[in-house]
PDB file of N, CA and C in Angstrom:
ATOM      1  N   MET A   1     135.707  -8.310  44.730  1.00  0.00           N
ATOM      2  CA  MET A   1     134.889  -9.701  44.929  1.00  0.00           C
ATOM      3  C   MET A   1     133.372  -9.553  44.278  1.00  0.00           C
ATOM      4  N   ARG A   2     133.852 -10.531  43.010  1.00  0.00           N
ATOM      5  CA  ARG A   2     132.198 -10.480  42.375  1.00  0.00           C
ATOM      6  C   ARG A   2     131.285 -11.306  43.428  1.00  0.00           C
ATOM      7  N   GLU A   3     130.485 -10.652  44.264  1.00  0.00           N
ATOM      8  CA  GLU A   3     129.735 -10.895  45.058  1.00  0.00           C
ATOM      9  C   GLU A   3     128.549 -12.323  44.535  1.00  0.00           C
ATOM     10  N   GLU A   4     128.329 -12.032  43.036  1.00  0.00           N
ATOM     11  CA  GLU A   4     127.343 -13.526  42.741  1.00  0.00           C
ATOM     12  C   GLU A   4     128.253 -14.869  42.660  1.00  0.00           C
ATOM     13  N   LEU A   5     129.042 -15.051  42.696  1.00  0.00           N
ATOM     14  CA  LEU A   5     129.837 -15.951  42.885  1.00  0.00           C
ATOM     15  C   LEU A   5     130.142 -16.453  44.556  1.00  0.00           C
ATOM     16  N   PHE A   6     129.611 -15.564  45.459  1.00  0.00           N
ATOM     17  CA  PHE A   6     129.900 -16.120  46.596  1.00  0.00           C
ATOM     18  C   PHE A   6     128.382 -16.154  47.565  1.00  0.00           C
ATOM     19  N   TRP A   7     127.331 -16.273  46.639  1.00  0.00           N
ATOM     20  CA  TRP A   7     125.852 -16.141  47.228  1.00  0.00           C
ATOM     21  C   TRP A   7     125.472 -17.013  48.597  1.00  0.00           C
ATOM     22  N   ASP A   8     126.543 -17.794  48.769  1.00  0.00           N
ATOM     23  CA  ASP A   8     126.144 -18.729  49.920  1.00  0.00           C
ATOM     24  C   ASP A   8     126.928 -18.565  51.250  1.00  0.00           C
ATOM     25  N   ARG A   9     127.746 -17.685  51.009  1.00  0.00           N
ATOM     26  CA  ARG A   9     129.137 -17.008  51.931  1.00  0.00           C
ATOM     27  C   ARG A   9     128.942 -15.785  52.496  1.00  0.00           C
ATOM     28  N   ASP A  10     129.456 -15.136  53.292  1.00  0.00           N
ATOM     29  CA  ASP A  10     129.543 -14.159  54.005  1.00  0.00           C
ATOM     30  C   ASP A  10     130.812 -13.492  52.900  1.00  0.00           C
ATOM     31  N   PRO A  11     130.663 -12.358  52.278  1.00  0.00           N
ATOM     32  CA  PRO A  11     131.593 -11.425  51.392  1.00  0.00           C
ATOM     33  C   PRO A  11     132.942 -11.620  52.172  1.00  0.00           C
ATOM     34  N   GLY A  12     132.983 -11.472  53.703  1.00  0.00           N
ATOM     35  CA  GLY A  12     134.125 -11.060  54.443  1.00  0.00           C
ATOM     36  C   GLY A  12     135.184 -11.918  54.907  1.00  0.00           C
ATOM     37  N   SER A  13     134.227 -12.927  54.744  1.00  0.00           N
ATOM     38  CA  SER A  13     135.118 -14.275  55.286  1.00  0.00           C
ATOM     39  C   SER A  13     135.337 -15.562  54.604  1.00  0.00           C
ATOM     40  N   VAL A  14     135.317 -15.005  53.052  1.00  0.00           N
ATOM     41  CA  VAL A  14     135.826 -15.922  52.286  1.00  0.00           C
ATOM     42  C   VAL A  14     137.152 -16.481  51.864  1.00  0.00           C
ATOM     43  N   PRO A  15     137.833 -17.742  52.096  1.00  0.00           N
ATOM     44  CA  PRO A  15     139.206 -17.957  52.186  1.00  0.00           C
ATOM     45  C   PRO A  15     139.673 -17.936  50.918  1.00  0.00           C
ATOM     46  N   PRO A  16     140.911 -17.636  50.937  1.00  0.00           N
ATOM     47  CA  PRO A  16     141.336 -17.119  49.582  1.00  0.00           C
ATOM     48  C   PRO A  16     141.178 -18.398  48.484  1.00  0.00           C
ATOM     49  N   GLU A  17     141.424 -19.278  49.100  1.00  0.00           N
ATOM     50  CA  GLU A  17     141.581 -20.747  48.093  1.00  0.00           C
ATOM     51  C   GLU A  17     139.916 -20.799  47.570  1.00  0.00           C
ATOM     52  N   ILE A  18     138.929 -20.717  48.245  1.00  0.00           N
ATOM     53  CA  ILE A  18     137.312 -20.355  47.930  1.00  0.00           C
ATOM     54  C   ILE A  18     137.248 -19.631  46.160  1.00  0.00           C
ATOM     55  N   GLU A  19     138.046 -18.367  46.777  1.00  0.00           N
ATOM     56  CA  GLU A  19     138.250 -17.243  45.876  1.00  0.00           C
ATOM     57  C   GLU A  19     138.542 -17.638  44.691  1.00  0.00           C
ATOM     58  N   ILE A  20     139.766 -18.424  44.734  1.00  0.00           N
ATOM     59  CA  ILE A  20     140.602 -18.844  43.835  1.00  0.00           C
ATOM     60  C   ILE A  20     139.650 -19.939  42.601  1.00  0.00           C
ATOM     61  N   GLU A  21     139.239 -21.208  43.334  1.00  0.00           N
ATOM     62  CA  GLU A  21     138.377 -22.023  42.740  1.00  0.00           C
ATOM     63  C   GLU A  21     137.338 -21.245  42.323  1.00  0.00           C
ATOM     64  N   ARG A  22     136.286 -20.446  42.516  1.00  0.00           N
ATOM     65  CA  ARG A  22     135.372 -20.022  42.070  1.00  0.00           C
ATOM     66  C   ARG A  22     135.919 -19.075  40.665  1.00  0.00           C
ATOM     67  N   ALA A  23     136.486 -18.225  40.816  1.00  0.00           N
ATOM     68  CA  ALA A  23     137.570 -17.232  40.055  1.00  0.00           C
ATOM     69  C   ALA A  23     137.723 -18.654  38.984  1.00  0.00           C
ATOM     70  N   ILE A  24     138.258 -19.783  38.840  1.00  0.00           N
ATOM     71  CA  ILE A  24     138.985 -20.525  37.839  1.00  0.00           C
ATOM     72  C   ILE A  24     137.812 -20.928  37.382  1.00  0.00           C
ATOM     73  N   ASN A  25     136.430 -21.618  38.065  1.00  0.00           N
ATOM     74  CA  ASN A  25     135.454 -22.323  37.712  1.00  0.00           C
ATOM     75  C   ASN A  25     134.961 -21.294  36.775  1.00  0.00           C
ATOM     76  N   PHE A  26     134.194 -20.132  37.221  1.00  0.00           N
ATOM     77  CA  PHE A  26     133.394 -19.579  37.251  1.00  0.00           C
ATOM     78  C   PHE A  26     133.433 -18.061  36.647  1.00  0.00           C
ATOM     79  N   GLY A  27     134.468 -17.748  36.873  1.00  0.00           N
ATOM     80  CA  GLY A  27     134.862 -16.006  36.894  1.00  0.00           C
ATOM     81  C   GLY A  27     135.430 -16.146  35.318  1.00  0.00           C
ATOM     82  N   GLY A  28     135.522 -14.636  34.899  1.00  0.00           N
ATOM     83  CA  GLY A  28     135.883 -14.724  33.577  1.00  0.00           C
ATOM     84  C   GLY A  28     137.620 -13.907  33.617  1.00  0.00           C
ATOM     85  N   PHE A  29     137.971 -13.289  32.495  1.00  0.00           N
ATOM     86  CA  PHE A  29     139.798 -13.568  32.503  1.00  0.00           C
ATOM     87  C   PHE A  29     139.937 -12.239  33.415  1.00  0.00           C
ATOM     88  N   ASP A  30     138.744 -11.381  33.433  1.00  0.00           N
ATOM     89  CA  ASP A  30     139.445 -10.144  34.254  1.00  0.00           C
ATOM     90  C   ASP A  30     139.456 -10.041  35.712  1.00  0.00           C
ATOM     91  N   TYR A  31     138.522 -10.801  36.191  1.00  0.00           N
ATOM     92  CA  TYR A  31     138.294 -11.469  37.692  1.00  0.00           C
ATOM     93  C   TYR A  31     139.455 -12.479  37.928  1.00  0.00           C
ATOM     94  N   ILE A  32     139.697 -13.040  36.989  1.00  0.00           N
ATOM     95  CA  ILE A  32     140.870 -13.711  37.312  1.00  0.00           C
ATOM     96  C   ILE A  32     142.366 -13.064  37.238  1.00  0.00           C
ATOM     97  N   LYS A  33     142.354 -12.402  36.592  1.00  0.00           N
ATOM     98  CA  LYS A  33     143.553 -11.825  36.584  1.00  0.00           C
ATOM     99  C   LYS A  33     143.485 -10.527  38.129  1.00  0.00           C
ATOM    100  N   LYS A  34     142.237 -10.024  38.487  1.00  0.00           N
ATOM    101  CA  LYS A  34     142.615  -9.665  39.700  1.00  0.00           C
ATOM    102  C   LYS A  34     142.998 -10.319  41.107  1.00  0.00           C
ATOM    103  N   ILE A  35     142.339 -11.697  40.793  1.00  0.00           N
ATOM    104  CA  ILE A  35     142.896 -12.810  41.797  1.00  0.00           C
ATOM    105  C   ILE A  35     144.384 -13.192  41.877  1.00  0.00           C
ATOM    106  N   GLN A  36     144.714 -13.209  40.550  1.00  0.00           N
ATOM    107  CA  GLN A  36     146.267 -13.332  40.447  1.00  0.00           C
ATOM    108  C   GLN A  36     147.215 -12.456  40.931  1.00  0.00           C
ATOM    109  N   LYS A  37     146.565 -10.572  40.624  1.00  0.00           N
ATOM    110  CA  LYS A  37     146.954 -10.029  41.515  1.00  0.00           C
ATOM    111  C   LYS A  37     146.909 -10.049  43.263  1.00  0.00           C
ATOM    112  N   LYS A  38     146.045 -10.175  43.669  1.00  0.00           N
ATOM    113  CA  LYS A  38     145.332 -10.192  45.350  1.00  0.00           C
ATOM    114  C   LYS A  38     146.229 -11.480  45.678  1.00  0.00           C
ATOM    115  N   ASN A  39     146.295 -12.417  45.233  1.00  0.00           N
ATOM    116  CA  ASN A  39     147.115 -13.644  45.790  1.00  0.00           C
ATOM    117  C   ASN A  39     148.416 -13.797  44.907  1.00  0.00           C
ATOM    118  N   SER A  40     149.308 -14.634  45.089  1.00  0.00           N
ATOM    119  CA  SER A  40     150.200 -14.690  44.473  1.00  0.00           C
ATOM    120  C   SER A  40     150.138 -15.794  43.372  1.00  0.00           C
ATOM    121  N   MET A  41     150.618 -15.685  42.522  1.00  0.00           N
ATOM    122  CA  MET A  41     150.971 -16.721  41.014  1.00  0.00           C
ATOM    123  C   MET A  41     150.843 -18.298  41.725  1.00  0.00           C
ATOM    124  N   LYS A  42     151.841 -18.089  43.028  1.00  0.00           N
ATOM    125  CA  LYS A  42     151.968 -19.006  43.453  1.00  0.00           C
ATOM    126  C   LYS A  42     150.853 -19.709  44.154  1.00  0.00           C
ATOM    127  N   LYS A  43     150.088 -19.200  44.874  1.00  0.00           N
ATOM    128  CA  LYS A  43     149.055 -19.646  45.221  1.00  0.00           C
ATOM    129  C   LYS A  43     147.911 -20.109  44.121  1.00  0.00           C
ATOM    130  N   PHE A  44     147.789 -19.150  43.261  1.00  0.00           N
ATOM    131  CA  PHE A  44     146.787 -19.920  41.739  1.00  0.00           C
ATOM    132  C   PHE A  44     147.252 -21.425  41.331  1.00  0.00           C
ATOM    133  N   ILE A  45     148.023 -21.275  41.603  1.00  0.00           N
ATOM    134  CA  ILE A  45     148.962 -22.782  40.734  1.00  0.00           C
ATOM    135  C   ILE A  45     148.644 -23.824  41.352  1.00  0.00           C
ATOM    136  N   ASP A  46     148.728 -23.607  43.172  1.00  0.00           N
ATOM    137  CA  ASP A  46     148.515 -24.596  44.237  1.00  0.00           C
ATOM    138  C   ASP A  46     147.122 -24.844  44.175  1.00  0.00           C
ATOM    139  N   VAL A  47     146.104 -23.888  44.299  1.00  0.00           N
ATOM    140  CA  VAL A  47     144.626 -24.087  44.257  1.00  0.00           C
ATOM    141  C   VAL A  47     144.401 -25.035  42.823  1.00  0.00           C
ATOM    142  N   LEU A  48     145.124 -24.603  41.741  1.00  0.00           N
ATOM    143  CA  LEU A  48     144.830 -25.568  40.382  1.00  0.00           C
ATOM    144  C   LEU A  48     145.559 -27.102  40.680  1.00  0.00           C
ATOM    145  N   LEU A  49     146.100 -26.997  41.253  1.00  0.00           N
ATOM    146  CA  LEU A  49     146.916 -28.398  41.791  1.00  0.00           C
ATOM    147  C   LEU A  49     146.439 -29.591  42.501  1.00  0.00           C
ATOM    148  N   ASN A  50     145.636 -28.948  44.104  1.00  0.00           N
ATOM    149  CA  ASN A  50     145.221 -29.533  44.661  1.00  0.00           C
ATOM    150  C   ASN A  50     143.942 -29.107  45.098  1.00  0.00           C
ATOM    151  N   SER A  51     143.464 -28.395  44.102  1.00  0.00           N
ATOM    152  CA  SER A  51     141.713 -28.265  44.530  1.00  0.00           C
ATOM    153  C   SER A  51     140.932 -29.494  43.857  1.00  0.00           C
ATOM    154  N   ARG A  52     140.041 -30.173  44.573  1.00  0.00           N
ATOM    155  CA  ARG A  52     139.175 -31.351  44.348  1.00  0.00           C
ATOM    156  C   ARG A  52     137.748 -30.766  43.392  1.00  0.00           C
ATOM    157  N   ASN A  53     137.269 -29.082  43.541  1.00  0.00           N
ATOM    158  CA  ASN A  53     136.179 -28.696  43.131  1.00  0.00           C
ATOM    159  C   ASN A  53     136.346 -28.224  42.187  1.00  0.00           C
ATOM    160  N   LEU A  54     137.598 -28.537  41.117  1.00  0.00           N
ATOM    161  CA  LEU A  54     137.337 -27.689  39.861  1.00  0.00           C
ATOM    162  C   LEU A  54     136.881 -28.750  38.348  1.00  0.00           C
ATOM    163  N   SER A  55     136.737 -27.854  37.321  1.00  0.00           N
ATOM    164  CA  SER A  55     136.038 -28.878  36.448  1.00  0.00           C
ATOM    165  C   SER A  55     137.201 -29.153  35.806  1.00  0.00           C
ATOM    166  N   ARG A  56     137.036 -30.303  35.011  1.00  0.00           N
ATOM    167  CA  ARG A  56     138.328 -30.622  33.973  1.00  0.00           C
ATOM    168  C   ARG A  56     138.472 -29.899  33.281  1.00  0.00           C
ATOM    169  N   LYS A  57     137.461 -29.377  32.599  1.00  0.00           N
ATOM    170  CA  LYS A  57     137.742 -28.222  31.462  1.00  0.00           C
ATOM    171  C   LYS A  57     138.539 -26.856  31.660  1.00  0.00           C
ATOM    172  N   THR A  58     138.198 -26.338  32.949  1.00  0.00           N
ATOM    173  CA  THR A  58     138.788 -25.656  33.049  1.00  0.00           C
ATOM    174  C   THR A  58     140.103 -25.713  34.075  1.00  0.00           C
ATOM    175  N   VAL A  59     140.334 -26.692  34.411  1.00  0.00           N
ATOM    176  CA  VAL A  59     142.078 -27.136  34.735  1.00  0.00           C
ATOM    177  C   VAL A  59     143.009 -27.569  33.280  1.00  0.00           C
ATOM    178  N   THR A  60     142.278 -28.199  32.687  1.00  0.00           N
ATOM    179  CA  THR A  60     142.805 -28.546  31.540  1.00  0.00           C
ATOM    180  C   THR A  60     143.477 -27.145  30.787  1.00  0.00           C
ATOM    181  N   TYR A  61     142.324 -26.062  30.293  1.00  0.00           N
ATOM    182  CA  TYR A  61     142.617 -24.545  30.066  1.00  0.00           C
ATOM    183  C   TYR A  61     143.691 -24.220  30.564  1.00  0.00           C
ATOM    184  N   TRP A  62     143.899 -24.193  32.137  1.00  0.00           N
ATOM    185  CA  TRP A  62     144.739 -23.411  32.429  1.00  0.00           C
ATOM    186  C   TRP A  62     145.938 -24.393  33.026  1.00  0.00           C
ATOM    187  N   CYS A  63     145.963 -25.167  32.627  1.00  0.00           N
ATOM    188  CA  CYS A  63     147.234 -26.192  32.563  1.00  0.00           C
ATOM    189  C   CYS A  63     148.095 -26.308  31.497  1.00  0.00           C
ATOM    190  N   LEU A  64     147.263 -26.050  30.259  1.00  0.00           N
ATOM    191  CA  LEU A  64     147.980 -25.387  29.226  1.00  0.00           C
ATOM    192  C   LEU A  64     148.509 -24.196  28.850  1.00  0.00           C
ATOM    193  N   LYS A  65     147.491 -23.466  29.434  1.00  0.00           N
ATOM    194  CA  LYS A  65     147.795 -21.896  29.373  1.00  0.00           C
ATOM    195  C   LYS A  65     149.402 -22.079  30.272  1.00  0.00           C
ATOM    196  N   LEU A  66     149.437 -22.572  31.292  1.00  0.00           N
ATOM    197  CA  LEU A  66     150.798 -22.629  32.479  1.00  0.00           C
ATOM    198  C   LEU A  66     151.901 -23.504  32.366  1.00  0.00           C
ATOM    199  N   HIS A  67     151.297 -24.180  31.406  1.00  0.00           N
ATOM    200  CA  HIS A  67     152.429 -25.049  31.097  1.00  0.00           C
ATOM    201  C   HIS A  67     152.803 -26.078  32.325  1.00  0.00           C
ATOM    202  N   ILE A  68     151.317 -26.984  32.563  1.00  0.00           N
ATOM    203  CA  ILE A  68     151.553 -27.815  33.888  1.00  0.00           C
ATOM    204  C   ILE A  68     150.909 -29.217  33.214  1.00  0.00           C
ATOM    205  N   ASP A  69     151.256 -30.136  33.587  1.00  0.00           N
ATOM    206  CA  ASP A  69     150.794 -31.630  33.389  1.00  0.00           C
ATOM    207  C   ASP A  69     149.549 -31.824  34.083  1.00  0.00           C
ATOM    208  N   ARG A  70     148.216 -31.429  33.453  1.00  0.00           N
ATOM    209  CA  ARG A  70     147.488 -31.540  34.230  1.00  0.00           C
ATOM    210  C   ARG A  70     146.906 -33.102  34.729  1.00  0.00           C
ATOM    211  N   MET A  71     147.820 -33.937  34.530  1.00  0.00           N
ATOM    212  CA  MET A  71     147.562 -35.367  35.293  1.00  0.00           C
ATOM    213  C   MET A  71     148.449 -34.942  36.927  1.00  0.00           C
ATOM    214  N   LYS A  72     149.155 -34.601  37.011  1.00  0.00           N
ATOM    215  CA  LYS A  72     149.599 -33.822  38.402  1.00  0.00           C
ATOM    216  C   LYS A  72     148.537 -33.339  39.135  1.00  0.00           C
ATOM    217  N   THR A  73     147.438 -33.012  38.487  1.00  0.00           N
ATOM    218  CA  THR A  73     146.509 -31.855  39.421  1.00  0.00           C
ATOM    219  C   THR A  73     145.692 -32.801  40.389  1.00  0.00           C
ATOM    220  N   THR A  74     144.941 -32.681  41.243  1.00  0.00           N
ATOM    221  CA  THR A  74     143.722 -33.435  42.133  1.00  0.00           C
ATOM    222  C   THR A  74     142.781 -33.812  41.375  1.00  0.00           C
ATOM    223  N   THR A  75     142.221 -33.030  40.366  1.00  0.00           N
ATOM    224  CA  THR A  75     141.109 -32.921  39.436  1.00  0.00           C
ATOM    225  C   THR A  75     141.426 -34.360  38.645  1.00  0.00           C
ATOM    226  N   PHE A  76     142.491 -34.471  37.807  1.00  0.00           N
ATOM    227  CA  PHE A  76     142.760 -35.524  37.257  1.00  0.00           C
ATOM    228  C   PHE A  76     142.828 -37.046  37.573  1.00  0.00           C
ATOM    229  N   LYS A  77     143.824 -36.537  39.135  1.00  0.00           N
ATOM    230  CA  LYS A  77     143.964 -37.759  39.776  1.00  0.00           C
ATOM    231  C   LYS A  77     143.236 -38.782  40.410  1.00  0.00           C
ATOM    232  N   THR A  78     141.801 -38.042  40.600  1.00  0.00           N
ATOM    233  CA  THR A  78     141.151 -38.519  41.330  1.00  0.00           C
ATOM    234  C   THR A  78     139.960 -39.020  40.597  1.00  0.00           C
ATOM    235  N   ASN A  79     139.088 -39.943  40.544  1.00  0.00           N
ATOM    236  CA  ASN A  79     138.072 -40.803  39.970  1.00  0.00           C
ATOM    237  C   ASN A  79     136.941 -40.066  39.820  1.00  0.00           C
ATOM    238  N   THR A  80     136.223 -39.786  38.336  1.00  0.00           N
ATOM    239  CA  THR A  80     135.198 -38.826  38.751  1.00  0.00           C
ATOM    240  C   THR A  80     133.773 -40.031  39.129  1.00  0.00           C
ATOM    241  N   ILE A  81     132.692 -39.292  39.842  1.00  0.00           N
ATOM    242  CA  ILE A  81     131.847 -40.077  40.246  1.00  0.00           C
ATOM    243  C   ILE A  81     130.746 -40.749  39.548  1.00  0.00           C
ATOM    244  N   TRP A  82     130.364 -39.689  38.423  1.00  0.00           N
ATOM    245  CA  TRP A  82     129.625 -40.008  37.181  1.00  0.00           C
ATOM    246  C   TRP A  82     130.191 -39.674  35.992  1.00  0.00           C
ATOM    247  N   THR A  83     130.510 -40.766  35.161  1.00  0.00           N
ATOM    248  CA  THR A  83     130.965 -40.182  33.579  1.00  0.00           C
ATOM    249  C   THR A  83     129.269 -40.661  32.895  1.00  0.00           C
ATOM    250  N   PRO A  84     128.958 -39.704  31.764  1.00  0.00           N
ATOM    251  CA  PRO A  84     127.984 -39.717  31.122  1.00  0.00           C
ATOM    252  C   PRO A  84     128.357 -40.863  30.073  1.00  0.00           C
ATOM    253  N   ILE A  85     127.177 -41.907  29.972  1.00  0.00           N
ATOM    254  CA  ILE A  85     127.281 -43.479  28.725  1.00  0.00           C
ATOM    255  C   ILE A  85     126.384 -42.493  27.557  1.00  0.00           C
ATOM    256  N   ARG A  86     127.737 -43.005  26.823  1.00  0.00           N
ATOM    257  CA  ARG A  86     127.238 -42.806  25.366  1.00  0.00           C
ATOM    258  C   ARG A  86     126.421 -43.470  24.587  1.00  0.00           C
ATOM    259  N   TYR A  87     125.497 -44.022  24.466  1.00  0.00           N
ATOM    260  CA  TYR A  87     124.689 -45.169  23.718  1.00  0.00           C
ATOM    261  C   TYR A  87     124.942 -44.908  22.122  1.00  0.00           C
ATOM    262  N   PRO A  88     125.264 -45.976  21.571  1.00  0.00           N
ATOM    263  CA  PRO A  88     125.136 -45.702  20.047  1.00  0.00           C
ATOM    264  C   PRO A  88     124.016 -45.413  19.670  1.00  0.00           C
ATOM    265  N   ARG A  89     124.007 -44.199  18.047  1.00  0.00           N
ATOM    266  CA  ARG A  89     121.926 -44.560  17.979  1.00  0.00           C
ATOM    267  C   ARG A  89     122.153 -45.615  17.266  1.00  0.00           C
ATOM    268  N   LEU A  90     120.755 -45.792  17.317  1.00  0.00           N
ATOM    269  CA  LEU A  90     120.142 -47.322  16.818  1.00  0.00           C
ATOM    270  C   LEU A  90     119.388 -46.383  15.734  1.00  0.00           C
ATOM    271  N   LYS A  91     119.695 -47.583  14.235  1.00  0.00           N
ATOM    272  CA  LYS A  91     119.259 -47.574  12.969  1.00  0.00           C
ATOM    273  C   LYS A  91     117.562 -47.451  12.984  1.00  0.00           C
ATOM    274  N   SER A  92     116.762 -46.608  12.516  1.00  0.00           N
ATOM    275  CA  SER A  92     115.686 -46.847  12.500  1.00  0.00           C
ATOM    276  C   SER A  92     115.353 -47.726  11.057  1.00  0.00           C
ATOM    277  N   THR A  93     114.573 -48.614  11.512  1.00  0.00           N
ATOM    278  CA  THR A  93     114.112 -49.741  10.568  1.00  0.00           C
ATOM    279  C   THR A  93     112.913 -49.204   9.606  1.00  0.00           C
ATOM    280  N   ARG A  94     111.924 -48.316  10.225  1.00  0.00           N
ATOM    281  CA  ARG A  94     110.888 -47.083   9.699  1.00  0.00           C
ATOM    282  C   ARG A  94     111.454 -46.539   8.262  1.00  0.00           C
ATOM    283  N   SER A  95     110.567 -46.390   7.377  1.00  0.00           N
ATOM    284  CA  SER A  95     111.010 -45.460   6.629  1.00  0.00           C
ATOM    285  C   SER A  95     109.972 -44.340   6.788  1.00  0.00           C
ATOM    286  N   HIS A  96     110.700 -43.242   6.520  1.00  0.00           N
ATOM    287  CA  HIS A  96     109.974 -41.873   6.972  1.00  0.00           C
ATOM    288  C   HIS A  96     109.458 -41.116   5.802  1.00  0.00           C
ATOM    289  N   SER A  97     109.028 -41.769   4.582  1.00  0.00           N
ATOM    290  CA  SER A  97     108.515 -41.350   3.452  1.00  0.00           C
ATOM    291  C   SER A  97     107.100 -41.430   3.734  1.00  0.00           C
ATOM    292  N   LEU A  98     106.395 -40.134   3.205  1.00  0.00           N
ATOM    293  CA  LEU A  98     104.811 -40.495   3.662  1.00  0.00           C
ATOM    294  C   LEU A  98     104.210 -40.385   2.157  1.00  0.00           C
TER     295      LEU A  98
END
């Protein structure tokens, strides 16, 4: 277990779902391989499909990798609380020549 991912919990009492979530979001490929061996691939996919605490970017990656429709995941079924607003750039009316 990578203890730096579980600074807020007792390392001995981390549920498998939380360990898989954090591995998906913050762990490297080596750590994810360990998690997949420690737990079943079925459990890994179950967390991927049902967790609300995964980033869209990581869910997209793993769904592509595992040939899963990302729209079936809880991450993509729920509305996001905050979506960044991208304002169009304003054209400058000033001349920048000195």
